[in-house]
C-alpha atoms as a PDB file:
ATOM      1  CA  MET A   1       5.687  -7.130   1.272  1.00  0.00           C
ATOM      2  CA  THR A   2       5.989  -9.853  -1.371  1.00  0.00           C
ATOM      3  CA  GLN A   3       6.335 -12.791   0.999  1.00  0.00           C
ATOM      4  CA  LEU A   4       4.346 -13.834   4.038  1.00  0.00           C
ATOM      5  CA  ARG A   5       6.634 -15.535   6.540  1.00  0.00           C
ATOM      6  CA  PHE A   6       4.808 -17.879   8.918  1.00  0.00           C
ATOM      7  CA  GLY A   7       5.715 -19.060  12.374  1.00  0.00           C
ATOM      8  CA  VAL A   8       4.010 -22.191  13.713  1.00  0.00           C
ATOM      9  CA  LEU A   9       2.940 -22.313  17.358  1.00  0.00           C
ATOM     10  CA  GLY A  10       3.391 -25.949  18.284  1.00  0.00           C
ATOM     11  CA  ALA A  11       4.461 -28.946  16.238  1.00  0.00           C
ATOM     12  CA  ALA A  12       0.858 -30.090  15.862  1.00  0.00           C
ATOM     13  CA  ARG A  13      -0.206 -33.078  13.765  1.00  0.00           C
ATOM     14  CA  ILE A  14      -2.431 -30.855  11.638  1.00  0.00           C
ATOM     15  CA  ALA A  15       0.329 -28.388  10.726  1.00  0.00           C
ATOM     16  CA  PRO A  16       1.847 -30.307   7.772  1.00  0.00           C
ATOM     17  CA  SER A  17      -1.546 -30.716   6.080  1.00  0.00           C
ATOM     18  CA  ALA A  18      -2.908 -27.286   6.942  1.00  0.00           C
ATOM     19  CA  LEU A  19       0.184 -25.159   6.359  1.00  0.00           C
ATOM     20  CA  VAL A  20       3.487 -26.779   5.467  1.00  0.00           C
ATOM     21  CA  ARG A  21       2.473 -28.694   2.338  1.00  0.00           C
ATOM     22  CA  PRO A  22       0.070 -26.019   1.048  1.00  0.00           C
ATOM     23  CA  ALA A  23       2.826 -23.407   1.407  1.00  0.00           C
ATOM     24  CA  GLY A  24       4.717 -25.225  -1.340  1.00  0.00           C
ATOM     25  CA  LYS A  25       1.806 -24.483  -3.683  1.00  0.00           C
ATOM     26  CA  VAL A  26       0.942 -20.920  -2.656  1.00  0.00           C
ATOM     27  CA  PRO A  27       3.219 -18.172  -4.030  1.00  0.00           C
ATOM     28  CA  GLY A  28       4.366 -15.844  -1.281  1.00  0.00           C
ATOM     29  CA  ALA A  29       3.694 -18.211   1.619  1.00  0.00           C
ATOM     30  CA  VAL A  30       6.838 -19.305   3.490  1.00  0.00           C
ATOM     31  CA  VAL A  31       7.009 -21.398   6.662  1.00  0.00           C
ATOM     32  CA  ALA A  32       9.959 -19.775   8.377  1.00  0.00           C
ATOM     33  CA  ALA A  33       9.909 -20.875  12.028  1.00  0.00           C
ATOM     34  CA  VAL A  34       8.399 -23.221  14.576  1.00  0.00           C
ATOM     35  CA  ALA A  35       8.240 -23.362  18.355  1.00  0.00           C
ATOM     36  CA  ALA A  36       6.936 -26.071  20.682  1.00  0.00           C
ATOM     37  CA  ARG A  37       6.773 -26.777  24.397  1.00  0.00           C
ATOM     38  CA  ASP A  38       9.216 -29.620  23.773  1.00  0.00           C
ATOM     39  CA  PRO A  39      12.272 -28.117  22.021  1.00  0.00           C
ATOM     40  CA  GLU A  40      13.387 -31.513  20.742  1.00  0.00           C
ATOM     41  CA  ARG A  41      10.008 -32.112  19.136  1.00  0.00           C
ATOM     42  CA  ALA A  42      10.252 -28.693  17.484  1.00  0.00           C
ATOM     43  CA  ARG A  43      13.713 -29.549  16.155  1.00  0.00           C
ATOM     44  CA  ARG A  44      12.500 -32.847  14.713  1.00  0.00           C
ATOM     45  CA  PHE A  45       9.504 -31.142  13.137  1.00  0.00           C
ATOM     46  CA  ALA A  46      11.704 -28.441  11.616  1.00  0.00           C
ATOM     47  CA  ALA A  47      14.177 -30.970  10.234  1.00  0.00           C
ATOM     48  CA  LYS A  48      11.451 -33.119   8.707  1.00  0.00           C
ATOM     49  CA  HIS A  49       9.711 -30.190   7.037  1.00  0.00           C
ATOM     50  CA  ARG A  50      12.786 -28.094   6.228  1.00  0.00           C
ATOM     51  CA  ILE A  51      11.814 -25.173   8.440  1.00  0.00           C
ATOM     52  CA  PRO A  52      14.910 -23.012   8.925  1.00  0.00           C
ATOM     53  CA  THR A  53      14.338 -21.580  12.421  1.00  0.00           C
ATOM     54  CA  VAL A  54      13.438 -23.256  15.712  1.00  0.00           C
ATOM     55  CA  HIS A  55      12.547 -21.012  18.636  1.00  0.00           C
ATOM     56  CA  ALA A  56      12.853 -21.973  22.284  1.00  0.00           C
ATOM     57  CA  GLY A  57       9.233 -21.051  23.009  1.00  0.00           C
ATOM     58  CA  TYR A  58       6.082 -19.405  21.710  1.00  0.00           C
ATOM     59  CA  ARG A  59       7.031 -16.007  23.130  1.00  0.00           C
ATOM     60  CA  GLU A  60      10.382 -16.071  21.337  1.00  0.00           C
ATOM     61  CA  LEU A  61       8.655 -16.875  18.059  1.00  0.00           C
ATOM     62  CA  LEU A  62       6.266 -13.940  18.479  1.00  0.00           C
ATOM     63  CA  ASP A  63       9.205 -11.636  19.206  1.00  0.00           C
ATOM     64  CA  ASP A  64      10.959 -12.648  15.975  1.00  0.00           C
ATOM     65  CA  PRO A  65      10.866  -9.619  13.611  1.00  0.00           C
ATOM     66  CA  GLU A  66      11.300 -11.948  10.638  1.00  0.00           C
ATOM     67  CA  ILE A  67       7.864 -13.498  11.241  1.00  0.00           C
ATOM     68  CA  ASP A  68       4.843 -11.802   9.668  1.00  0.00           C
ATOM     69  CA  ALA A  69       2.050 -14.249  10.519  1.00  0.00           C
ATOM     70  CA  VAL A  70       1.327 -17.008  12.993  1.00  0.00           C
ATOM     71  CA  TYR A  71      -0.451 -20.312  12.474  1.00  0.00           C
ATOM     72  CA  ASN A  72      -2.119 -21.294  15.764  1.00  0.00           C
ATOM     73  CA  PRO A  73      -2.989 -25.026  15.956  1.00  0.00           C
ATOM     74  CA  LEU A  74      -2.618 -25.214  19.736  1.00  0.00           C
ATOM     75  CA  PRO A  75      -5.231 -26.985  21.904  1.00  0.00           C
ATOM     76  CA  ASN A  76      -8.564 -25.155  21.841  1.00  0.00           C
ATOM     77  CA  ALA A  77      -8.152 -23.734  25.335  1.00  0.00           C
ATOM     78  CA  LEU A  78      -4.981 -21.918  24.224  1.00  0.00           C
ATOM     79  CA  HIS A  79      -6.335 -20.377  21.029  1.00  0.00           C
ATOM     80  CA  ALA A  80      -7.528 -17.109  22.561  1.00  0.00           C
ATOM     81  CA  GLU A  81      -4.464 -16.549  24.724  1.00  0.00           C
ATOM     82  CA  TRP A  82      -1.911 -17.001  21.952  1.00  0.00           C
ATOM     83  CA  THR A  83      -3.944 -15.302  19.236  1.00  0.00           C
ATOM     84  CA  LEU A  84      -4.216 -12.248  21.473  1.00  0.00           C
ATOM     85  CA  LYS A  85      -0.473 -12.359  22.173  1.00  0.00           C
ATOM     86  CA  ALA A  86       0.267 -12.712  18.467  1.00  0.00           C
ATOM     87  CA  LEU A  87      -1.888  -9.693  17.665  1.00  0.00           C
ATOM     88  CA  ALA A  88      -0.160  -7.690  20.396  1.00  0.00           C
ATOM     89  CA  ALA A  89       3.139  -8.649  18.740  1.00  0.00           C
ATOM     90  CA  GLY A  90       1.891  -7.328  15.395  1.00  0.00           C
ATOM     91  CA  LYS A  91       1.389 -10.704  13.709  1.00  0.00           C
ATOM     92  CA  HIS A  92      -1.458 -11.754  11.436  1.00  0.00           C
ATOM     93  CA  VAL A  93      -3.115 -14.970  12.660  1.00  0.00           C
ATOM     94  CA  LEU A  94      -4.514 -18.082  11.008  1.00  0.00           C
ATOM     95  CA  CYS A  95      -6.205 -19.798  13.962  1.00  0.00           C
ATOM     96  CA  GLU A  96      -7.489 -23.346  13.934  1.00  0.00           C
ATOM     97  CA  LYS A  97     -11.135 -24.053  14.657  1.00  0.00           C
ATOM     98  CA  PRO A  98     -12.874 -23.771  17.025  1.00  0.00           C
ATOM     99  CA  PHE A  99     -11.721 -20.184  17.339  1.00  0.00           C
ATOM    100  CA  THR A 100     -11.692 -20.071  21.155  1.00  0.00           C
ATOM    101  CA  SER A 101     -13.104 -21.919  24.157  1.00  0.00           C
ATOM    102  CA  ASN A 102     -16.283 -19.843  24.330  1.00  0.00           C
ATOM    103  CA  ALA A 103     -18.054 -16.745  23.038  1.00  0.00           C
ATOM    104  CA  ALA A 104     -16.584 -14.365  25.610  1.00  0.00           C
ATOM    105  CA  GLU A 105     -13.073 -15.275  24.501  1.00  0.00           C
ATOM    106  CA  ALA A 106     -14.095 -14.976  20.859  1.00  0.00           C
ATOM    107  CA  ARG A 107     -15.469 -11.498  21.516  1.00  0.00           C
ATOM    108  CA  ALA A 108     -12.192 -10.427  23.127  1.00  0.00           C
ATOM    109  CA  VAL A 109     -10.170 -11.714  20.173  1.00  0.00           C
ATOM    110  CA  ALA A 110     -12.507 -10.133  17.617  1.00  0.00           C
ATOM    111  CA  ASP A 111     -12.237  -6.768  19.374  1.00  0.00           C
ATOM    112  CA  ALA A 112      -8.448  -7.011  19.430  1.00  0.00           C
ATOM    113  CA  ALA A 113      -8.368  -8.043  15.771  1.00  0.00           C
ATOM    114  CA  GLY A 114     -10.558  -5.114  14.774  1.00  0.00           C
ATOM    115  CA  ALA A 115      -8.415  -2.659  16.697  1.00  0.00           C
ATOM    116  CA  SER A 116      -5.173  -4.051  15.276  1.00  0.00           C
ATOM    117  CA  GLY A 117      -6.007  -3.880  11.580  1.00  0.00           C
ATOM    118  CA  LEU A 118      -4.337  -7.268  11.193  1.00  0.00           C
ATOM    119  CA  VAL A 119      -5.811 -10.262   9.364  1.00  0.00           C
ATOM    120  CA  VAL A 120      -7.322 -12.911  11.625  1.00  0.00           C
ATOM    121  CA  MET A 121      -8.917 -15.957  10.004  1.00  0.00           C
ATOM    122  CA  GLU A 122     -10.609 -18.975  11.581  1.00  0.00           C
ATOM    123  CA  ALA A 123      -9.378 -22.079   9.762  1.00  0.00           C
ATOM    124  CA  PHE A 124     -12.610 -23.556   8.413  1.00  0.00           C
ATOM    125  CA  HIS A 125     -10.777 -24.814   5.358  1.00  0.00           C
ATOM    126  CA  TYR A 126     -13.846 -26.297   3.646  1.00  0.00           C
ATOM    127  CA  ARG A 127     -15.284 -22.768   3.288  1.00  0.00           C
ATOM    128  CA  TYR A 128     -12.581 -21.789   0.780  1.00  0.00           C
ATOM    129  CA  HIS A 129     -13.124 -24.670  -1.648  1.00  0.00           C
ATOM    130  CA  PRO A 130     -15.308 -24.013  -4.739  1.00  0.00           C
ATOM    131  CA  MET A 131     -17.785 -26.573  -3.402  1.00  0.00           C
ATOM    132  CA  ALA A 132     -18.789 -24.242  -0.554  1.00  0.00           C
ATOM    133  CA  ALA A 133     -19.565 -21.478  -3.031  1.00  0.00           C
ATOM    134  CA  ARG A 134     -21.560 -23.882  -5.196  1.00  0.00           C
ATOM    135  CA  MET A 135     -23.629 -25.142  -2.235  1.00  0.00           C
ATOM    136  CA  ARG A 136     -24.506 -21.588  -1.274  1.00  0.00           C
ATOM    137  CA  GLU A 137     -25.223 -20.695  -4.910  1.00  0.00           C
ATOM    138  CA  ILE A 138     -27.803 -23.495  -5.201  1.00  0.00           C
ATOM    139  CA  VAL A 139     -29.533 -22.434  -1.982  1.00  0.00           C
ATOM    140  CA  ASP A 140     -29.542 -18.749  -2.961  1.00  0.00           C
ATOM    141  CA  SER A 141     -30.770 -19.460  -6.504  1.00  0.00           C
ATOM    142  CA  GLY A 142     -34.303 -20.055  -5.295  1.00  0.00           C
ATOM    143  CA  GLU A 143     -34.712 -23.387  -7.083  1.00  0.00           C
ATOM    144  CA  LEU A 144     -35.360 -25.121  -3.762  1.00  0.00           C
ATOM    145  CA  GLY A 145     -38.073 -22.599  -2.932  1.00  0.00           C
ATOM    146  CA  THR A 146     -38.466 -21.324   0.617  1.00  0.00           C
ATOM    147  CA  ILE A 147     -36.027 -23.167   2.873  1.00  0.00           C
ATOM    148  CA  ARG A 148     -37.797 -25.336   5.447  1.00  0.00           C
ATOM    149  CA  SER A 149     -34.976 -27.318   7.063  1.00  0.00           C
ATOM    150  CA  VAL A 150     -31.190 -27.653   7.145  1.00  0.00           C
ATOM    151  CA  ARG A 151     -29.429 -30.761   8.459  1.00  0.00           C
ATOM    152  CA  THR A 152     -25.673 -31.128   8.833  1.00  0.00           C
ATOM    153  CA  ALA A 153     -23.413 -33.843  10.235  1.00  0.00           C
ATOM    154  CA  MET A 154     -19.758 -34.202  11.154  1.00  0.00           C
ATOM    155  CA  CYS A 155     -18.991 -37.628  12.591  1.00  0.00           C
ATOM    156  CA  PHE A 156     -15.734 -39.547  12.746  1.00  0.00           C
ATOM    157  CA  PRO A 157     -14.313 -42.226  15.062  1.00  0.00           C
ATOM    158  CA  LEU A 158     -11.788 -41.214  17.707  1.00  0.00           C
ATOM    159  CA  PRO A 159     -11.575 -44.128  20.174  1.00  0.00           C
ATOM    160  CA  LYS A 160      -8.313 -42.867  21.663  1.00  0.00           C
ATOM    161  CA  PHE A 161      -9.871 -41.473  24.817  1.00  0.00           C
ATOM    162  CA  ASP A 162      -6.663 -39.952  26.203  1.00  0.00           C
ATOM    163  CA  ASP A 163      -6.552 -37.630  23.180  1.00  0.00           C
ATOM    164  CA  ILE A 164      -6.650 -33.917  24.088  1.00  0.00           C
ATOM    165  CA  ARG A 165      -9.971 -33.656  22.242  1.00  0.00           C
ATOM    166  CA  TYR A 166     -11.548 -35.473  25.186  1.00  0.00           C
ATOM    167  CA  SER A 167     -10.065 -33.055  27.739  1.00  0.00           C
ATOM    168  CA  TYR A 168     -12.372 -30.444  29.272  1.00  0.00           C
ATOM    169  CA  PRO A 169      -9.490 -28.225  30.527  1.00  0.00           C
ATOM    170  CA  LEU A 170      -8.092 -28.135  26.976  1.00  0.00           C
ATOM    171  CA  GLY A 171     -11.446 -27.242  25.436  1.00  0.00           C
ATOM    172  CA  GLY A 172     -12.351 -30.683  24.166  1.00  0.00           C
ATOM    173  CA  GLY A 173     -15.623 -32.315  23.192  1.00  0.00           C
ATOM    174  CA  ALA A 174     -17.367 -33.539  20.071  1.00  0.00           C
ATOM    175  CA  LEU A 175     -19.244 -30.265  19.650  1.00  0.00           C
ATOM    176  CA  MET A 176     -15.993 -28.318  19.771  1.00  0.00           C
ATOM    177  CA  ASP A 177     -13.981 -30.518  17.449  1.00  0.00           C
ATOM    178  CA  ALA A 178     -16.603 -31.863  15.020  1.00  0.00           C
ATOM    179  CA  GLY A 179     -19.747 -29.930  15.789  1.00  0.00           C
ATOM    180  CA  CYS A 180     -18.161 -26.582  15.024  1.00  0.00           C
ATOM    181  CA  TYR A 181     -17.965 -27.701  11.372  1.00  0.00           C
ATOM    182  CA  ALA A 182     -21.582 -28.878  11.320  1.00  0.00           C
ATOM    183  CA  LEU A 183     -22.744 -25.668  12.980  1.00  0.00           C
ATOM    184  CA  HIS A 184     -20.723 -23.441  10.659  1.00  0.00           C
ATOM    185  CA  LEU A 185     -22.106 -25.262   7.620  1.00  0.00           C
ATOM    186  CA  LEU A 186     -25.651 -25.022   8.992  1.00  0.00           C
ATOM    187  CA  ARG A 187     -25.284 -21.251   9.124  1.00  0.00           C
ATOM    188  CA  LEU A 188     -23.814 -21.137   5.609  1.00  0.00           C
ATOM    189  CA  LEU A 189     -26.622 -23.223   4.107  1.00  0.00           C
ATOM    190  CA  GLY A 190     -29.332 -21.324   5.967  1.00  0.00           C
ATOM    191  CA  GLY A 191     -28.335 -18.272   3.961  1.00  0.00           C
ATOM    192  CA  GLU A 192     -28.759 -14.604   4.747  1.00  0.00           C
ATOM    193  CA  ALA A 193     -32.529 -14.801   4.243  1.00  0.00           C
ATOM    194  CA  GLN A 194     -32.827 -17.165   7.215  1.00  0.00           C
ATOM    195  CA  GLY A 195     -30.592 -15.168   9.562  1.00  0.00           C
ATOM    196  CA  THR A 196     -28.710 -16.493  12.608  1.00  0.00           C
ATOM    197  CA  PRO A 197     -30.385 -19.516  14.215  1.00  0.00           C
ATOM    198  CA  GLU A 198     -31.201 -19.985  17.874  1.00  0.00           C
ATOM    199  CA  VAL A 199     -30.762 -23.186  19.851  1.00  0.00           C
ATOM    200  CA  VAL A 200     -34.007 -24.853  20.953  1.00  0.00           C
ATOM    201  CA  GLY A 201     -32.662 -28.119  22.346  1.00  0.00           C
ATOM    202  CA  ALA A 202     -29.636 -30.420  22.560  1.00  0.00           C
ATOM    203  CA  GLU A 203     -28.682 -33.883  23.742  1.00  0.00           C
ATOM    204  CA  ALA A 204     -25.179 -35.088  24.550  1.00  0.00           C
ATOM    205  CA  ARG A 205     -23.610 -38.502  24.923  1.00  0.00           C
ATOM    206  CA  LEU A 206     -20.835 -38.213  27.434  1.00  0.00           C
ATOM    207  CA  ARG A 207     -17.286 -39.377  27.888  1.00  0.00           C
ATOM    208  CA  GLY A 208     -16.922 -38.278  31.481  1.00  0.00           C
ATOM    209  CA  ALA A 209     -18.922 -35.644  33.345  1.00  0.00           C
ATOM    210  CA  ASP A 210     -18.040 -32.623  31.219  1.00  0.00           C
ATOM    211  CA  VAL A 211     -16.970 -33.960  27.817  1.00  0.00           C
ATOM    212  CA  ASP A 212     -19.333 -34.946  25.034  1.00  0.00           C
ATOM    213  CA  ARG A 213     -18.365 -37.773  22.704  1.00  0.00           C
ATOM    214  CA  ALA A 214     -21.459 -37.037  20.601  1.00  0.00           C
ATOM    215  CA  MET A 215     -23.947 -34.189  20.372  1.00  0.00           C
ATOM    216  CA  THR A 216     -27.180 -33.458  18.553  1.00  0.00           C
ATOM    217  CA  ALA A 217     -28.806 -30.048  18.595  1.00  0.00           C
ATOM    218  CA  GLU A 218     -32.055 -28.596  17.270  1.00  0.00           C
ATOM    219  CA  LEU A 219     -32.100 -25.013  16.051  1.00  0.00           C
ATOM    220  CA  ARG A 220     -34.587 -22.555  14.578  1.00  0.00           C
ATOM    221  CA  PHE A 221     -33.843 -19.812  12.074  1.00  0.00           C
ATOM    222  CA  PRO A 222     -35.623 -16.431  12.320  1.00  0.00           C
ATOM    223  CA  GLY A 223     -36.843 -16.997   8.753  1.00  0.00           C
ATOM    224  CA  GLY A 224     -38.800 -20.032   9.914  1.00  0.00           C
ATOM    225  CA  ALA A 225     -36.578 -22.952   8.892  1.00  0.00           C
ATOM    226  CA  THR A 226     -35.533 -25.617  11.368  1.00  0.00           C
ATOM    227  CA  GLY A 227     -31.991 -26.875  11.775  1.00  0.00           C
ATOM    228  CA  ARG A 228     -30.284 -29.920  13.207  1.00  0.00           C
ATOM    229  CA  ILE A 229     -26.629 -30.722  13.706  1.00  0.00           C
ATOM    230  CA  THR A 230     -25.170 -34.129  14.523  1.00  0.00           C
ATOM    231  CA  ALA A 231     -21.588 -34.356  15.761  1.00  0.00           C
ATOM    232  CA  SER A 232     -19.634 -37.325  17.010  1.00  0.00           C
ATOM    233  CA  MET A 233     -16.150 -38.491  17.892  1.00  0.00           C
ATOM    234  CA  TRP A 234     -17.424 -41.846  19.139  1.00  0.00           C
ATOM    235  CA  SER A 235     -20.895 -43.225  18.451  1.00  0.00           C
ATOM    236  CA  ARG A 236     -22.680 -45.654  16.180  1.00  0.00           C
ATOM    237  CA  ARG A 237     -22.559 -43.004  13.465  1.00  0.00           C
ATOM    238  CA  LEU A 238     -18.905 -43.557  12.675  1.00  0.00           C
ATOM    239  CA  LEU A 239     -18.271 -41.535   9.513  1.00  0.00           C
ATOM    240  CA  ASP A 240     -20.613 -38.859   8.182  1.00  0.00           C
ATOM    241  CA  PHE A 241     -19.720 -35.627   6.399  1.00  0.00           C
ATOM    242  CA  THR A 242     -23.110 -34.925   4.854  1.00  0.00           C
ATOM    243  CA  ALA A 243     -25.785 -32.252   4.796  1.00  0.00           C
ATOM    244  CA  SER A 244     -29.206 -31.590   3.328  1.00  0.00           C
ATOM    245  CA  VAL A 245     -31.340 -28.552   2.634  1.00  0.00           C
ATOM    246  CA  ARG A 246     -35.067 -28.969   2.087  1.00  0.00           C
ATOM    247  CA  GLY A 247     -37.283 -26.287   0.599  1.00  0.00           C
ATOM    248  CA  ASP A 248     -40.910 -26.246  -0.442  1.00  0.00           C
ATOM    249  CA  ALA A 249     -39.813 -26.726  -4.073  1.00  0.00           C
ATOM    250  CA  GLY A 250     -36.890 -29.118  -3.794  1.00  0.00           C
ATOM    251  CA  GLU A 251     -34.009 -30.627  -1.865  1.00  0.00           C
ATOM    252  CA  LEU A 252     -30.219 -30.445  -1.935  1.00  0.00           C
ATOM    253  CA  ARG A 253     -28.147 -33.335  -0.591  1.00  0.00           C
ATOM    254  CA  ILE A 254     -24.423 -32.936   0.013  1.00  0.00           C
ATOM    255  CA  VAL A 255     -21.785 -35.641   0.355  1.00  0.00           C
ATOM    256  CA  ASN A 256     -18.330 -34.849   1.760  1.00  0.00           C
ATOM    257  CA  TYR A 257     -18.315 -31.093   2.249  1.00  0.00           C
ATOM    258  CA  LEU A 258     -15.295 -31.529   4.541  1.00  0.00           C
ATOM    259  CA  ALA A 259     -12.773 -32.924   2.033  1.00  0.00           C
ATOM    260  CA  PRO A 260     -14.337 -32.343  -1.394  1.00  0.00           C
ATOM    261  CA  HIS A 261     -10.927 -32.606  -3.062  1.00  0.00           C
ATOM    262  CA  ALA A 262     -11.064 -36.354  -2.324  1.00  0.00           C
ATOM    263  CA  TYR A 263     -14.642 -36.889  -3.476  1.00  0.00           C
ATOM    264  CA  ASN A 264     -17.885 -34.952  -3.416  1.00  0.00           C
ATOM    265  CA  ARG A 265     -21.423 -35.074  -4.728  1.00  0.00           C
ATOM    266  CA  LEU A 266     -24.317 -32.633  -4.815  1.00  0.00           C
ATOM    267  CA  THR A 267     -27.786 -33.972  -5.620  1.00  0.00           C
ATOM    268  CA  VAL A 268     -30.642 -31.579  -6.399  1.00  0.00           C
ATOM    269  CA  ARG A 269     -34.213 -32.862  -6.631  1.00  0.00           C
ATOM    270  CA  THR A 270     -37.003 -30.576  -7.828  1.00  0.00           C
ATOM    271  CA  ALA A 271     -40.157 -30.906  -9.904  1.00  0.00           C
ATOM    272  CA  ALA A 272     -37.920 -30.489 -12.954  1.00  0.00           C
ATOM    273  CA  GLY A 273     -36.094 -33.728 -12.109  1.00  0.00           C
ATOM    274  CA  THR A 274     -32.908 -34.871 -10.390  1.00  0.00           C
ATOM    275  CA  ARG A 275     -29.392 -33.753 -11.231  1.00  0.00           C
ATOM    276  CA  ARG A 276     -26.056 -34.672  -9.722  1.00  0.00           C
ATOM    277  CA  GLU A 277     -22.969 -32.514  -9.675  1.00  0.00           C
ATOM    278  CA  ARG A 278     -19.364 -32.876  -8.653  1.00  0.00           C
ATOM    279  CA  VAL A 279     -17.334 -29.776  -7.963  1.00  0.00           C
ATOM    280  CA  ALA A 280     -13.763 -29.831  -9.245  1.00  0.00           C
ATOM    281  CA  GLY A 281     -10.967 -28.313  -7.241  1.00  0.00           C
ATOM    282  CA  GLY A 282      -7.737 -28.805  -5.372  1.00  0.00           C
ATOM    283  CA  HIS A 283      -7.078 -29.366  -1.685  1.00  0.00           C
ATOM    284  CA  THR A 284      -9.158 -27.336   0.744  1.00  0.00           C
ATOM    285  CA  TYR A 285      -6.111 -26.311   2.772  1.00  0.00           C
ATOM    286  CA  THR A 286      -4.412 -24.901  -0.313  1.00  0.00           C
ATOM    287  CA  TYR A 287      -7.415 -22.683  -1.028  1.00  0.00           C
ATOM    288  CA  GLN A 288      -7.475 -21.564   2.599  1.00  0.00           C
ATOM    289  CA  LEU A 289      -3.799 -20.643   2.691  1.00  0.00           C
ATOM    290  CA  ARG A 290      -4.075 -18.854  -0.646  1.00  0.00           C
ATOM    291  CA  ALA A 291      -6.977 -16.801   0.694  1.00  0.00           C
ATOM    292  CA  PHE A 292      -5.130 -15.915   3.886  1.00  0.00           C
ATOM    293  CA  THR A 293      -1.991 -14.931   1.988  1.00  0.00           C
ATOM    294  CA  GLU A 294      -4.005 -12.825  -0.458  1.00  0.00           C
ATOM    295  CA  ALA A 295      -5.808 -11.133   2.421  1.00  0.00           C
ATOM    296  CA  VAL A 296      -2.537 -10.080   4.026  1.00  0.00           C
ATOM    297  CA  LEU A 297      -0.557  -9.192   0.906  1.00  0.00           C
ATOM    298  CA  ASN A 298      -3.306  -7.755  -1.298  1.00  0.00           C
ATOM    299  CA  GLY A 299      -6.337  -7.069   0.866  1.00  0.00           C
ATOM    300  CA  GLY A 300      -8.330 -10.071  -0.382  1.00  0.00           C
ATOM    301  CA  PRO A 301     -11.553 -11.199   1.308  1.00  0.00           C
ATOM    302  CA  VAL A 302     -11.691 -13.264   4.497  1.00  0.00           C
ATOM    303  CA  LEU A 303     -14.722 -15.575   4.532  1.00  0.00           C
ATOM    304  CA  THR A 304     -14.205 -16.762   8.121  1.00  0.00           C
ATOM    305  CA  PRO A 305     -13.306 -13.623  10.096  1.00  0.00           C
ATOM    306  CA  ALA A 306     -13.169 -13.195  13.852  1.00  0.00           C
ATOM    307  CA  GLU A 307     -16.598 -11.549  14.011  1.00  0.00           C
ATOM    308  CA  ASP A 308     -18.147 -14.602  12.358  1.00  0.00           C
ATOM    309  CA  ALA A 309     -16.459 -16.814  14.942  1.00  0.00           C
ATOM    310  CA  VAL A 310     -18.158 -14.894  17.746  1.00  0.00           C
ATOM    311  CA  VAL A 311     -21.544 -16.010  16.402  1.00  0.00           C
ATOM    312  CA  THR A 312     -20.467 -19.644  16.057  1.00  0.00           C
ATOM    313  CA  MET A 313     -18.961 -19.762  19.542  1.00  0.00           C
ATOM    314  CA  GLY A 314     -22.110 -18.208  21.007  1.00  0.00           C
ATOM    315  CA  LEU A 315     -24.177 -21.007  19.494  1.00  0.00           C
ATOM    316  CA  ILE A 316     -21.725 -23.607  20.796  1.00  0.00           C
ATOM    317  CA  ASP A 317     -22.088 -22.174  24.312  1.00  0.00           C
ATOM    318  CA  ASP A 318     -25.884 -22.265  23.960  1.00  0.00           C
ATOM    319  CA  ILE A 319     -25.848 -25.883  22.786  1.00  0.00           C
ATOM    320  CA  TYR A 320     -23.773 -26.956  25.770  1.00  0.00           C
ATOM    321  CA  ARG A 321     -26.186 -25.210  28.121  1.00  0.00           C
ATOM    322  CA  ALA A 322     -29.200 -26.745  26.365  1.00  0.00           C
ATOM    323  CA  ALA A 323     -27.614 -30.176  26.853  1.00  0.00           C
ATOM    324  CA  GLY A 324     -27.159 -29.490  30.572  1.00  0.00           C
ATOM    325  CA  MET A 325     -23.400 -29.021  30.278  1.00  0.00           C
ATOM    326  CA  ARG A 326     -20.911 -26.264  30.992  1.00  0.00           C
ATOM    327  CA  PRO A 327     -19.489 -24.259  28.093  1.00  0.00           C
ATOM    328  CA  ARG A 328     -15.756 -24.754  27.676  1.00  0.00           C
ATOM    329  CA  GLY A 329     -13.464 -22.473  29.666  1.00  0.00           C
ATOM    330  CA  ALA A 330     -13.451 -22.010  33.428  1.00  0.00           C
ATOM    331  CA  ASP A 331     -14.623 -18.389  33.150  1.00  0.00           C
ATOM    332  CA  ALA A 332     -17.381 -18.976  30.583  1.00  0.00           C
ATOM    333  CA  PRO A 333     -20.505 -17.037  31.638  1.00  0.00           C
END
């Protein structure tokens, strides 16, 4: 196989940024087909983005032998169902975050992915940019000393309250849409020495009985460090894509881990002084698509595999419970 032919499940707003435009920059990646619940919307999407094939539905796209991989940007509540169906159809899957509605669904998908031998990647695009590697490199270098605390934030304004991201049946909530980034980054910055954190407390600000518009959570790493995530789709903290790591010998502050191709800054303060770095690189989605394509065509590494998503979704479930809320998904334990 020299080309990886993608089918898109749904004409989602994120698809042009996450797949269509990056495919023009990644050798071997071809967007070959799209399907949507509304056939006319799928036709308009295909015409606008020069996608040659429009299928009548998701099932028809999965049955297409000309499709090698599926991009799944469907609402969160549909991620598990259609990723499992794609795997059963023999397709590799690039699935948008959060991976599923809850940890039980994530476990089912991870088991199916492992049994299939197919590539399944959770689309945490920031993780594939050189900035993510540099952040981890600084933490692992030891110059900060023993890590004492990790703080991460993902806040943006979404005052359109009829958006699907405010729908409990569709797997919505600030923790799901924004907090999954903050939680994933918290785990990355904690490093292997700290292990997987546990949730010790959480507080939600609600938009309706079951949907959080903002969430804060306190965590503790087995290695002794504390953690805190702040996530919001509507709060006083309108825009915040920052993080910090404090050790007993220094501190790392991070600005714009989410879209470092636009602007980023790393500030390290130790007894030796203060230095500031900017990490060069292209668009995060281009790196992500390149990594996925390399994984399928040449066996390259996957930094955000299904097994990793099981851990993240388990923490998300625990945060919802700690905040006195139900995890997403009607059958969540």
